[in-house]
Amino acid sequence: MSAPIKEPTQTGDGIPGSPPVTKAPPRPGGAGRSEGITLNVFSHGFLVLWAVLIVLPLIWLVLGSFKTDAQIGGSALSWPSNWQLDVFGRAWDKGIGDYFTNTIIVLVFSVPLTMLFGSMGAYVLARYEFPGNRFIYYFFVGGAMFPVFLALVPLFFMVKRLEMLNTYQGLILVYVAYSMPFTVFFMHAFFRTLPTAVFEAAVLDGASHTRAFFQVMLPMAKPGLLSVGIFNVLGQWNQYILPSVLMQPQKGGDPERYVLTQGLIQLQQQQGYATDLPVLFAGVTIAMIPMLVVYLSFQRQVQGGLTSATLK
């Protein structure tokens, strides 16, 4: 008798003799989607709560500038009964105008110098190899983590020996030195990723290293320059510790040259028992408005620069 003939087995795709197809276990349809929805709700809820904690004090501050002392002591977020604009004039005449001018004078010089020296240092550390390159870079990074409180006493005596206490140039130099570590660290990432071919083409065309830096490489790092520039403006505008130590009038020296942060504390102390709170609120509003305008005007550029630095 002949052996029985076996029929070919049909596998997963119906082709005789093909290897069996392993079917993946069914995935739960709504598990991943529900987790994503929960995460989005939590993150958006946290952001909304954070925004409320930031916006409500600002609204209370601005509304308080148009109220009387009695209204400020009442409901915190009540609408002012009389929109009095003369309070801003009173705050300006009580010294806010002078403090505002002093702050502008310092920042006009300190921010450009910080960007110039910081970008030059970051470019050299990022594009040129030499002995001690990494040591200098990590020295700048370590400076960003060094608390300024530890350097106040030696810094005071150093500036005093240079006879720059209570002077614009003394505070400008300290601001530049204080902002350099973050600027170098931030710009280092941009300069390391710029294409070398562009620099080589500029050199072949006869450009010197200095000209190639200012006319070719620096414009290519414009997003980073804009972002770190905004951070430096915000940080130096809101600085209080350094000017409170270095901008104290000396006996027989120049008159006080308080910046805006010092001026607000001075305005609060001058009130004593007078309790002219609308003037104080108006002074804080005057100090706050320029930074809000700067950030809201350049927020897209700042976000773009931070995104570029993260991707690089």
C-alpha atoms as a PDB file:
ATOM      1  CA  MET A   1       0.000   0.000   0.000  1.00  0.00           C
ATOM      2  CA  SER A   2       1.193   3.451  -0.795  1.00  0.00           C
ATOM      3  CA  ALA A   3       1.678   6.014   1.979  1.00  0.00           C
ATOM      4  CA  PRO A   4      -1.055   8.561   2.396  1.00  0.00           C
ATOM      5  CA  ILE A   5      -0.371  11.932   0.773  1.00  0.00           C
ATOM      6  CA  LYS A   6      -0.364  14.880   3.197  1.00  0.00           C
ATOM      7  CA  GLU A   7      -2.062  17.994   2.098  1.00  0.00           C
ATOM      8  CA  PRO A   8       0.014  21.212   2.361  1.00  0.00           C
ATOM      9  CA  THR A   9      -0.788  23.215   5.424  1.00  0.00           C
ATOM     10  CA  GLN A  10      -2.145  26.707   5.048  1.00  0.00           C
ATOM     11  CA  THR A  11      -0.283  29.256   7.213  1.00  0.00           C
ATOM     12  CA  GLY A  12      -1.045  32.823   8.170  1.00  0.00           C
ATOM     13  CA  ASP A  13      -0.953  34.322   4.668  1.00  0.00           C
ATOM     14  CA  GLY A  14      -2.396  31.294   2.822  1.00  0.00           C
ATOM     15  CA  ILE A  15       0.835  30.358   0.969  1.00  0.00           C
ATOM     16  CA  PRO A  16       1.732  26.635   1.251  1.00  0.00           C
ATOM     17  CA  GLY A  17       4.922  26.035   3.216  1.00  0.00           C
ATOM     18  CA  SER A  18       5.381  29.648   4.317  1.00  0.00           C
ATOM     19  CA  PRO A  19       6.373  30.231   7.944  1.00  0.00           C
ATOM     20  CA  PRO A  20       3.536  30.899  10.328  1.00  0.00           C
ATOM     21  CA  VAL A  21       2.671  34.501  10.991  1.00  0.00           C
ATOM     22  CA  THR A  22       2.689  35.452  14.646  1.00  0.00           C
ATOM     23  CA  LYS A  23      -0.167  37.683  15.527  1.00  0.00           C
ATOM     24  CA  ALA A  24       0.511  40.444  18.001  1.00  0.00           C
ATOM     25  CA  PRO A  25      -1.654  40.406  21.074  1.00  0.00           C
ATOM     26  CA  PRO A  26      -4.477  42.898  20.915  1.00  0.00           C
ATOM     27  CA  ARG A  27      -3.587  46.265  22.445  1.00  0.00           C
ATOM     28  CA  PRO A  28      -6.055  47.973  24.672  1.00  0.00           C
ATOM     29  CA  GLY A  29      -7.554  50.678  22.524  1.00  0.00           C
ATOM     30  CA  GLY A  30      -7.996  53.526  24.979  1.00  0.00           C
ATOM     31  CA  ALA A  31      -5.129  52.985  27.447  1.00  0.00           C
ATOM     32  CA  GLY A  32      -2.454  55.099  25.761  1.00  0.00           C
ATOM     33  CA  ARG A  33      -4.923  57.770  24.760  1.00  0.00           C
ATOM     34  CA  SER A  34      -6.336  58.083  28.269  1.00  0.00           C
ATOM     35  CA  GLU A  35      -2.832  58.391  29.741  1.00  0.00           C
ATOM     36  CA  GLY A  36      -2.017  61.168  27.275  1.00  0.00           C
ATOM     37  CA  ILE A  37      -5.233  63.013  28.098  1.00  0.00           C
ATOM     38  CA  THR A  38      -4.515  62.728  31.833  1.00  0.00           C
ATOM     39  CA  LEU A  39      -0.985  64.055  31.362  1.00  0.00           C
ATOM     40  CA  ASN A  40      -2.207  66.970  29.242  1.00  0.00           C
ATOM     41  CA  VAL A  41      -4.891  67.874  31.769  1.00  0.00           C
ATOM     42  CA  PHE A  42      -2.349  67.801  34.603  1.00  0.00           C
ATOM     43  CA  SER A  43       0.280  69.833  32.742  1.00  0.00           C
ATOM     44  CA  HIS A  44      -2.214  72.416  31.452  1.00  0.00           C
ATOM     45  CA  GLY A  45      -3.807  72.672  34.877  1.00  0.00           C
ATOM     46  CA  PHE A  46      -0.416  73.306  36.454  1.00  0.00           C
ATOM     47  CA  LEU A  47       0.375  75.973  33.846  1.00  0.00           C
ATOM     48  CA  VAL A  48      -2.976  77.677  34.424  1.00  0.00           C
ATOM     49  CA  LEU A  49      -2.376  77.684  38.185  1.00  0.00           C
ATOM     50  CA  TRP A  50       1.113  79.094  37.668  1.00  0.00           C
ATOM     51  CA  ALA A  51      -0.243  81.819  35.372  1.00  0.00           C
ATOM     52  CA  VAL A  52      -2.886  82.777  37.931  1.00  0.00           C
ATOM     53  CA  LEU A  53      -0.247  83.046  40.674  1.00  0.00           C
ATOM     54  CA  ILE A  54       1.790  85.371  38.444  1.00  0.00           C
ATOM     55  CA  VAL A  55      -0.983  87.467  36.889  1.00  0.00           C
ATOM     56  CA  LEU A  56      -3.128  88.150  39.953  1.00  0.00           C
ATOM     57  CA  PRO A  57      -0.398  89.985  41.923  1.00  0.00           C
ATOM     58  CA  LEU A  58       0.375  92.061  38.832  1.00  0.00           C
ATOM     59  CA  ILE A  59      -3.287  93.010  38.450  1.00  0.00           C
ATOM     60  CA  TRP A  60      -3.497  93.846  42.151  1.00  0.00           C
ATOM     61  CA  LEU A  61      -0.373  95.989  41.838  1.00  0.00           C
ATOM     62  CA  VAL A  62      -1.559  97.940  38.801  1.00  0.00           C
ATOM     63  CA  LEU A  63      -5.058  98.475  40.213  1.00  0.00           C
ATOM     64  CA  GLY A  64      -3.556  99.639  43.505  1.00  0.00           C
ATOM     65  CA  SER A  65      -1.787 102.443  41.660  1.00  0.00           C
ATOM     66  CA  PHE A  66      -5.164 104.052  40.918  1.00  0.00           C
ATOM     67  CA  LYS A  67      -6.694 103.575  44.373  1.00  0.00           C
ATOM     68  CA  THR A  68      -6.582 105.471  47.620  1.00  0.00           C
ATOM     69  CA  ASP A  69      -5.100 104.110  50.847  1.00  0.00           C
ATOM     70  CA  ALA A  70      -8.560 103.217  52.118  1.00  0.00           C
ATOM     71  CA  GLN A  71      -9.427 101.301  48.941  1.00  0.00           C
ATOM     72  CA  ILE A  72      -6.133  99.394  49.024  1.00  0.00           C
ATOM     73  CA  GLY A  73      -6.850  98.333  52.595  1.00  0.00           C
ATOM     74  CA  GLY A  74     -10.252  97.050  51.492  1.00  0.00           C
ATOM     75  CA  SER A  75     -10.868  94.521  48.757  1.00  0.00           C
ATOM     76  CA  ALA A  76      -7.651  93.479  47.023  1.00  0.00           C
ATOM     77  CA  LEU A  77      -9.067  93.146  43.507  1.00  0.00           C
ATOM     78  CA  SER A  78     -11.828  95.757  43.686  1.00  0.00           C
ATOM     79  CA  TRP A  79     -12.138  98.218  40.824  1.00  0.00           C
ATOM     80  CA  PRO A  80     -10.823 101.728  41.546  1.00  0.00           C
ATOM     81  CA  SER A  81     -13.602 104.234  42.131  1.00  0.00           C
ATOM     82  CA  ASN A  82     -11.510 107.114  40.763  1.00  0.00           C
ATOM     83  CA  TRP A  83      -8.804 106.580  38.154  1.00  0.00           C
ATOM     84  CA  GLN A  84      -6.230 109.101  39.375  1.00  0.00           C
ATOM     85  CA  LEU A  85      -3.213 109.388  37.085  1.00  0.00           C
ATOM     86  CA  ASP A  86      -1.408 112.044  39.114  1.00  0.00           C
ATOM     87  CA  VAL A  87      -0.051 109.328  41.403  1.00  0.00           C
ATOM     88  CA  PHE A  88       2.484 108.364  38.722  1.00  0.00           C
ATOM     89  CA  GLY A  89       3.681 111.962  38.589  1.00  0.00           C
ATOM     90  CA  ARG A  90       4.051 112.015  42.375  1.00  0.00           C
ATOM     91  CA  ALA A  91       6.037 108.780  42.290  1.00  0.00           C
ATOM     92  CA  TRP A  92       8.280 110.159  39.529  1.00  0.00           C
ATOM     93  CA  ASP A  93       8.917 113.379  41.467  1.00  0.00           C
ATOM     94  CA  LYS A  94       9.741 111.478  44.664  1.00  0.00           C
ATOM     95  CA  GLY A  95      12.834 110.009  43.054  1.00  0.00           C
ATOM     96  CA  ILE A  96      11.625 107.256  40.724  1.00  0.00           C
ATOM     97  CA  GLY A  97      12.619 109.386  37.735  1.00  0.00           C
ATOM     98  CA  ASP A  98      16.222 109.681  38.933  1.00  0.00           C
ATOM     99  CA  TYR A  99      16.415 105.990  39.818  1.00  0.00           C
ATOM    100  CA  PHE A 100      14.971 105.065  36.431  1.00  0.00           C
ATOM    101  CA  THR A 101      17.537 107.241  34.641  1.00  0.00           C
ATOM    102  CA  ASN A 102      20.417 105.740  36.620  1.00  0.00           C
ATOM    103  CA  THR A 103      19.289 102.222  35.727  1.00  0.00           C
ATOM    104  CA  ILE A 104      19.026 103.074  32.031  1.00  0.00           C
ATOM    105  CA  ILE A 105      22.522 104.606  32.040  1.00  0.00           C
ATOM    106  CA  VAL A 106      24.023 101.468  33.594  1.00  0.00           C
ATOM    107  CA  LEU A 107      22.212  99.029  31.290  1.00  0.00           C
ATOM    108  CA  VAL A 108      23.005 100.983  28.124  1.00  0.00           C
ATOM    109  CA  PHE A 109      26.680 100.197  28.699  1.00  0.00           C
ATOM    110  CA  SER A 110      26.626  96.950  30.702  1.00  0.00           C
ATOM    111  CA  VAL A 111      24.414  94.863  28.381  1.00  0.00           C
ATOM    112  CA  PRO A 112      26.294  95.617  25.104  1.00  0.00           C
ATOM    113  CA  LEU A 113      29.658  95.062  26.825  1.00  0.00           C
ATOM    114  CA  THR A 114      28.415  91.782  28.267  1.00  0.00           C
ATOM    115  CA  MET A 115      27.242  90.602  24.854  1.00  0.00           C
ATOM    116  CA  LEU A 116      30.466  91.707  23.156  1.00  0.00           C
ATOM    117  CA  PHE A 117      32.931  90.144  25.587  1.00  0.00           C
ATOM    118  CA  GLY A 118      30.745  87.088  26.231  1.00  0.00           C
ATOM    119  CA  SER A 119      30.295  86.261  22.550  1.00  0.00           C
ATOM    120  CA  MET A 120      34.002  86.797  21.844  1.00  0.00           C
ATOM    121  CA  GLY A 121      35.003  84.496  24.694  1.00  0.00           C
ATOM    122  CA  ALA A 122      32.451  81.849  23.745  1.00  0.00           C
ATOM    123  CA  TYR A 123      33.562  81.941  20.097  1.00  0.00           C
ATOM    124  CA  VAL A 124      37.241  81.422  20.930  1.00  0.00           C
ATOM    125  CA  LEU A 125      36.468  78.583  23.344  1.00  0.00           C
ATOM    126  CA  ALA A 126      34.106  76.918  20.856  1.00  0.00           C
ATOM    127  CA  ARG A 127      36.087  77.244  17.615  1.00  0.00           C
ATOM    128  CA  TYR A 128      39.780  77.157  18.577  1.00  0.00           C
ATOM    129  CA  GLU A 129      41.706  74.343  20.228  1.00  0.00           C
ATOM    130  CA  PHE A 130      44.536  75.375  22.542  1.00  0.00           C
ATOM    131  CA  PRO A 131      45.993  74.156  25.847  1.00  0.00           C
ATOM    132  CA  GLY A 132      43.678  75.035  28.709  1.00  0.00           C
ATOM    133  CA  ASN A 133      40.595  75.466  26.510  1.00  0.00           C
ATOM    134  CA  ARG A 134      38.363  73.149  28.521  1.00  0.00           C
ATOM    135  CA  PHE A 135      39.728  74.437  31.821  1.00  0.00           C
ATOM    136  CA  ILE A 136      38.767  78.020  30.932  1.00  0.00           C
ATOM    137  CA  TYR A 137      35.348  76.910  29.718  1.00  0.00           C
ATOM    138  CA  TYR A 138      34.600  74.994  32.914  1.00  0.00           C
ATOM    139  CA  PHE A 139      35.949  77.952  34.865  1.00  0.00           C
ATOM    140  CA  PHE A 140      33.191  80.080  33.314  1.00  0.00           C
ATOM    141  CA  VAL A 141      30.608  77.372  33.953  1.00  0.00           C
ATOM    142  CA  GLY A 142      31.698  77.166  37.577  1.00  0.00           C
ATOM    143  CA  GLY A 143      31.347  80.936  37.847  1.00  0.00           C
ATOM    144  CA  ALA A 144      27.669  80.637  36.913  1.00  0.00           C
ATOM    145  CA  MET A 145      27.159  78.365  39.943  1.00  0.00           C
ATOM    146  CA  PHE A 146      29.120  80.588  42.353  1.00  0.00           C
ATOM    147  CA  PRO A 147      26.784  82.464  44.746  1.00  0.00           C
ATOM    148  CA  VAL A 148      27.293  86.197  44.515  1.00  0.00           C
ATOM    149  CA  PHE A 149      26.830  86.508  48.282  1.00  0.00           C
ATOM    150  CA  LEU A 150      30.219  84.861  48.863  1.00  0.00           C
ATOM    151  CA  ALA A 151      32.004  87.533  46.825  1.00  0.00           C
ATOM    152  CA  LEU A 152      30.367  90.659  48.223  1.00  0.00           C
ATOM    153  CA  VAL A 153      33.037  91.520  50.797  1.00  0.00           C
ATOM    154  CA  PRO A 154      36.124  91.084  48.556  1.00  0.00           C
ATOM    155  CA  LEU A 155      34.224  92.698  45.699  1.00  0.00           C
ATOM    156  CA  PHE A 156      33.448  95.738  47.830  1.00  0.00           C
ATOM    157  CA  PHE A 157      37.097  96.255  48.803  1.00  0.00           C
ATOM    158  CA  MET A 158      38.288  95.655  45.239  1.00  0.00           C
ATOM    159  CA  VAL A 159      35.928  98.290  43.836  1.00  0.00           C
ATOM    160  CA  LYS A 160      36.833 100.615  46.699  1.00  0.00           C
ATOM    161  CA  ARG A 161      40.543 100.323  45.889  1.00  0.00           C
ATOM    162  CA  LEU A 162      39.745 101.234  42.309  1.00  0.00           C
ATOM    163  CA  GLU A 163      37.850 104.273  43.666  1.00  0.00           C
ATOM    164  CA  MET A 164      34.707 103.224  41.821  1.00  0.00           C
ATOM    165  CA  LEU A 165      32.226 102.965  44.672  1.00  0.00           C
ATOM    166  CA  ASN A 166      28.963 104.783  43.938  1.00  0.00           C
ATOM    167  CA  THR A 167      29.975 105.277  40.285  1.00  0.00           C
ATOM    168  CA  TYR A 168      28.358 104.152  37.076  1.00  0.00           C
ATOM    169  CA  GLN A 169      31.553 102.620  35.710  1.00  0.00           C
ATOM    170  CA  GLY A 170      32.103 100.520  38.828  1.00  0.00           C
ATOM    171  CA  LEU A 171      28.621  99.011  38.677  1.00  0.00           C
ATOM    172  CA  ILE A 172      28.885  98.522  34.912  1.00  0.00           C
ATOM    173  CA  LEU A 173      32.118  96.522  35.225  1.00  0.00           C
ATOM    174  CA  VAL A 174      30.672  94.371  38.006  1.00  0.00           C
ATOM    175  CA  TYR A 175      27.502  93.714  36.002  1.00  0.00           C
ATOM    176  CA  VAL A 176      29.591  92.650  33.000  1.00  0.00           C
ATOM    177  CA  ALA A 177      31.709  90.292  35.116  1.00  0.00           C
ATOM    178  CA  TYR A 178      28.625  88.927  36.878  1.00  0.00           C
ATOM    179  CA  SER A 179      26.821  88.177  33.582  1.00  0.00           C
ATOM    180  CA  MET A 180      29.786  86.757  31.666  1.00  0.00           C
ATOM    181  CA  PRO A 181      29.576  83.100  32.867  1.00  0.00           C
ATOM    182  CA  PHE A 182      25.981  82.596  31.732  1.00  0.00           C
ATOM    183  CA  THR A 183      26.601  84.439  28.460  1.00  0.00           C
ATOM    184  CA  VAL A 184      29.664  82.325  27.608  1.00  0.00           C
ATOM    185  CA  PHE A 185      27.897  79.110  28.562  1.00  0.00           C
ATOM    186  CA  PHE A 186      24.817  79.961  26.501  1.00  0.00           C
ATOM    187  CA  MET A 187      26.651  81.165  23.391  1.00  0.00           C
ATOM    188  CA  HIS A 188      29.176  78.330  23.430  1.00  0.00           C
ATOM    189  CA  ALA A 189      26.538  75.901  22.114  1.00  0.00           C
ATOM    190  CA  PHE A 190      25.696  78.142  19.151  1.00  0.00           C
ATOM    191  CA  PHE A 191      29.239  78.741  18.014  1.00  0.00           C
ATOM    192  CA  ARG A 192      30.177  75.048  18.203  1.00  0.00           C
ATOM    193  CA  THR A 193      27.465  74.122  15.712  1.00  0.00           C
ATOM    194  CA  LEU A 194      28.043  76.854  13.147  1.00  0.00           C
ATOM    195  CA  PRO A 195      29.294  75.425   9.817  1.00  0.00           C
ATOM    196  CA  THR A 196      33.066  75.555   9.452  1.00  0.00           C
ATOM    197  CA  ALA A 197      32.794  75.784   5.655  1.00  0.00           C
ATOM    198  CA  VAL A 198      31.361  79.297   5.873  1.00  0.00           C
ATOM    199  CA  PHE A 199      34.277  80.465   8.015  1.00  0.00           C
ATOM    200  CA  GLU A 200      36.805  78.828   5.691  1.00  0.00           C
ATOM    201  CA  ALA A 201      35.185  80.456   2.667  1.00  0.00           C
ATOM    202  CA  ALA A 202      35.433  83.874   4.335  1.00  0.00           C
ATOM    203  CA  VAL A 203      39.116  83.307   5.126  1.00  0.00           C
ATOM    204  CA  LEU A 204      39.796  82.218   1.540  1.00  0.00           C
ATOM    205  CA  ASP A 205      38.183  85.436   0.359  1.00  0.00           C
ATOM    206  CA  GLY A 206      40.746  87.373   2.366  1.00  0.00           C
ATOM    207  CA  ALA A 207      38.834  88.044   5.583  1.00  0.00           C
ATOM    208  CA  SER A 208      40.827  88.135   8.791  1.00  0.00           C
ATOM    209  CA  HIS A 209      39.742  86.188  11.874  1.00  0.00           C
ATOM    210  CA  THR A 210      38.320  89.333  13.421  1.00  0.00           C
ATOM    211  CA  ARG A 211      36.369  90.295  10.314  1.00  0.00           C
ATOM    212  CA  ALA A 212      35.103  86.737   9.837  1.00  0.00           C
ATOM    213  CA  PHE A 213      33.847  86.745  13.418  1.00  0.00           C
ATOM    214  CA  PHE A 214      32.013  90.073  13.289  1.00  0.00           C
ATOM    215  CA  GLN A 215      30.683  89.898   9.726  1.00  0.00           C
ATOM    216  CA  VAL A 216      30.086  86.169   9.210  1.00  0.00           C
ATOM    217  CA  MET A 217      29.911  84.109  12.398  1.00  0.00           C
ATOM    218  CA  LEU A 218      28.269  86.608  14.747  1.00  0.00           C
ATOM    219  CA  PRO A 219      25.255  87.305  12.485  1.00  0.00           C
ATOM    220  CA  MET A 220      24.703  83.552  12.189  1.00  0.00           C
ATOM    221  CA  ALA A 221      24.372  83.357  15.984  1.00  0.00           C
ATOM    222  CA  LYS A 222      21.727  86.108  16.095  1.00  0.00           C
ATOM    223  CA  PRO A 223      19.000  83.917  17.730  1.00  0.00           C
ATOM    224  CA  GLY A 224      21.309  83.078  20.595  1.00  0.00           C
ATOM    225  CA  LEU A 225      22.482  86.657  20.968  1.00  0.00           C
ATOM    226  CA  LEU A 226      18.920  87.928  21.170  1.00  0.00           C
ATOM    227  CA  SER A 227      17.865  85.322  23.721  1.00  0.00           C
ATOM    228  CA  VAL A 228      20.820  85.754  26.056  1.00  0.00           C
ATOM    229  CA  GLY A 229      20.586  89.533  25.621  1.00  0.00           C
ATOM    230  CA  ILE A 230      17.005  89.538  26.914  1.00  0.00           C
ATOM    231  CA  PHE A 231      18.026  87.409  29.891  1.00  0.00           C
ATOM    232  CA  ASN A 232      20.868  89.800  30.675  1.00  0.00           C
ATOM    233  CA  VAL A 233      18.545  92.810  30.467  1.00  0.00           C
ATOM    234  CA  LEU A 234      16.056  91.178  32.833  1.00  0.00           C
ATOM    235  CA  GLY A 235      18.744  90.019  35.250  1.00  0.00           C
ATOM    236  CA  GLN A 236      20.591  93.325  35.425  1.00  0.00           C
ATOM    237  CA  TRP A 237      17.391  95.377  35.589  1.00  0.00           C
ATOM    238  CA  ASN A 238      16.154  93.371  38.598  1.00  0.00           C
ATOM    239  CA  GLN A 239      19.552  93.159  40.351  1.00  0.00           C
ATOM    240  CA  TYR A 240      19.449  94.387  43.946  1.00  0.00           C
ATOM    241  CA  ILE A 241      22.292  92.799  45.919  1.00  0.00           C
ATOM    242  CA  LEU A 242      25.179  94.204  43.883  1.00  0.00           C
ATOM    243  CA  PRO A 243      23.979  97.836  43.670  1.00  0.00           C
ATOM    244  CA  SER A 244      22.980  97.849  47.345  1.00  0.00           C
ATOM    245  CA  VAL A 245      26.642  97.110  48.201  1.00  0.00           C
ATOM    246  CA  LEU A 246      28.412  99.146  45.506  1.00  0.00           C
ATOM    247  CA  MET A 247      26.120 102.171  45.070  1.00  0.00           C
ATOM    248  CA  GLN A 248      26.161 103.588  48.579  1.00  0.00           C
ATOM    249  CA  PRO A 249      27.105 107.306  48.800  1.00  0.00           C
ATOM    250  CA  GLN A 250      30.446 107.928  50.509  1.00  0.00           C
ATOM    251  CA  LYS A 251      31.196 110.709  52.981  1.00  0.00           C
ATOM    252  CA  GLY A 252      32.221 113.793  51.071  1.00  0.00           C
ATOM    253  CA  GLY A 253      31.748 111.982  47.762  1.00  0.00           C
ATOM    254  CA  ASP A 254      29.210 112.043  44.986  1.00  0.00           C
ATOM    255  CA  PRO A 255      25.481 112.125  45.787  1.00  0.00           C
ATOM    256  CA  GLU A 256      23.457 108.941  45.769  1.00  0.00           C
ATOM    257  CA  ARG A 257      23.103 107.178  42.451  1.00  0.00           C
ATOM    258  CA  TYR A 258      20.615 104.525  43.377  1.00  0.00           C
ATOM    259  CA  VAL A 259      19.262 102.264  40.671  1.00  0.00           C
ATOM    260  CA  LEU A 260      15.580 101.398  40.432  1.00  0.00           C
ATOM    261  CA  THR A 261      15.574  98.413  42.789  1.00  0.00           C
ATOM    262  CA  GLN A 262      17.312 100.457  45.486  1.00  0.00           C
ATOM    263  CA  GLY A 263      15.022 103.387  44.785  1.00  0.00           C
ATOM    264  CA  LEU A 264      11.884 101.383  45.447  1.00  0.00           C
ATOM    265  CA  ILE A 265      13.192 100.325  48.863  1.00  0.00           C
ATOM    266  CA  GLN A 266      14.214 103.939  49.521  1.00  0.00           C
ATOM    267  CA  LEU A 267      10.734 105.125  48.533  1.00  0.00           C
ATOM    268  CA  GLN A 268       9.142 102.636  50.901  1.00  0.00           C
ATOM    269  CA  GLN A 269      11.390 103.725  53.770  1.00  0.00           C
ATOM    270  CA  GLN A 270      10.785 107.414  53.124  1.00  0.00           C
ATOM    271  CA  GLN A 271       7.058 106.995  53.647  1.00  0.00           C
ATOM    272  CA  GLY A 272       7.395 106.108  57.321  1.00  0.00           C
ATOM    273  CA  TYR A 273       3.953 106.535  58.830  1.00  0.00           C
ATOM    274  CA  ALA A 274       2.622 108.574  55.912  1.00  0.00           C
ATOM    275  CA  THR A 275       1.442 105.364  54.189  1.00  0.00           C
ATOM    276  CA  ASP A 276       1.130 106.771  50.683  1.00  0.00           C
ATOM    277  CA  LEU A 277       0.711 103.283  49.239  1.00  0.00           C
ATOM    278  CA  PRO A 278      -0.546 104.382  45.787  1.00  0.00           C
ATOM    279  CA  VAL A 279       2.788 106.132  45.180  1.00  0.00           C
ATOM    280  CA  LEU A 280       4.681 102.988  46.096  1.00  0.00           C
ATOM    281  CA  PHE A 281       2.447 100.868  43.854  1.00  0.00           C
ATOM    282  CA  ALA A 282       2.895 103.362  41.018  1.00  0.00           C
ATOM    283  CA  GLY A 283       6.690 103.200  41.445  1.00  0.00           C
ATOM    284  CA  VAL A 284       6.693  99.417  41.217  1.00  0.00           C
ATOM    285  CA  THR A 285       4.425  99.615  38.154  1.00  0.00           C
ATOM    286  CA  ILE A 286       6.840 102.041  36.468  1.00  0.00           C
ATOM    287  CA  ALA A 287       9.702  99.641  37.178  1.00  0.00           C
ATOM    288  CA  MET A 288       7.737  96.661  35.880  1.00  0.00           C
ATOM    289  CA  ILE A 289       6.302  98.024  32.635  1.00  0.00           C
ATOM    290  CA  PRO A 290       9.570  98.276  30.611  1.00  0.00           C
ATOM    291  CA  MET A 291      10.488  94.648  31.280  1.00  0.00           C
ATOM    292  CA  LEU A 292       7.004  93.462  30.367  1.00  0.00           C
ATOM    293  CA  VAL A 293       7.202  95.397  27.104  1.00  0.00           C
ATOM    294  CA  VAL A 294      10.651  93.974  26.310  1.00  0.00           C
ATOM    295  CA  TYR A 295       9.651  90.390  27.015  1.00  0.00           C
ATOM    296  CA  LEU A 296       6.295  90.530  25.246  1.00  0.00           C
ATOM    297  CA  SER A 297       7.936  92.147  22.214  1.00  0.00           C
ATOM    298  CA  PHE A 298      10.662  89.516  21.892  1.00  0.00           C
ATOM    299  CA  GLN A 299       9.067  86.415  23.394  1.00  0.00           C
ATOM    300  CA  ARG A 300       8.983  84.559  20.065  1.00  0.00           C
ATOM    301  CA  GLN A 301      12.651  85.294  19.448  1.00  0.00           C
ATOM    302  CA  VAL A 302      13.531  84.190  22.975  1.00  0.00           C
ATOM    303  CA  GLN A 303      11.619  80.926  22.592  1.00  0.00           C
ATOM    304  CA  GLY A 304      13.177  80.359  19.170  1.00  0.00           C
ATOM    305  CA  GLY A 305      16.662  80.942  20.549  1.00  0.00           C
ATOM    306  CA  LEU A 306      16.109  78.580  23.459  1.00  0.00           C
ATOM    307  CA  THR A 307      14.721  75.918  21.126  1.00  0.00           C
ATOM    308  CA  SER A 308      17.699  76.268  18.817  1.00  0.00           C
ATOM    309  CA  ALA A 309      20.113  75.933  21.722  1.00  0.00           C
ATOM    310  CA  THR A 310      18.297  72.827  22.951  1.00  0.00           C
ATOM    311  CA  LEU A 311      18.324  71.167  19.530  1.00  0.00           C
ATOM    312  CA  LYS A 312      21.986  71.997  19.033  1.00  0.00           C
END
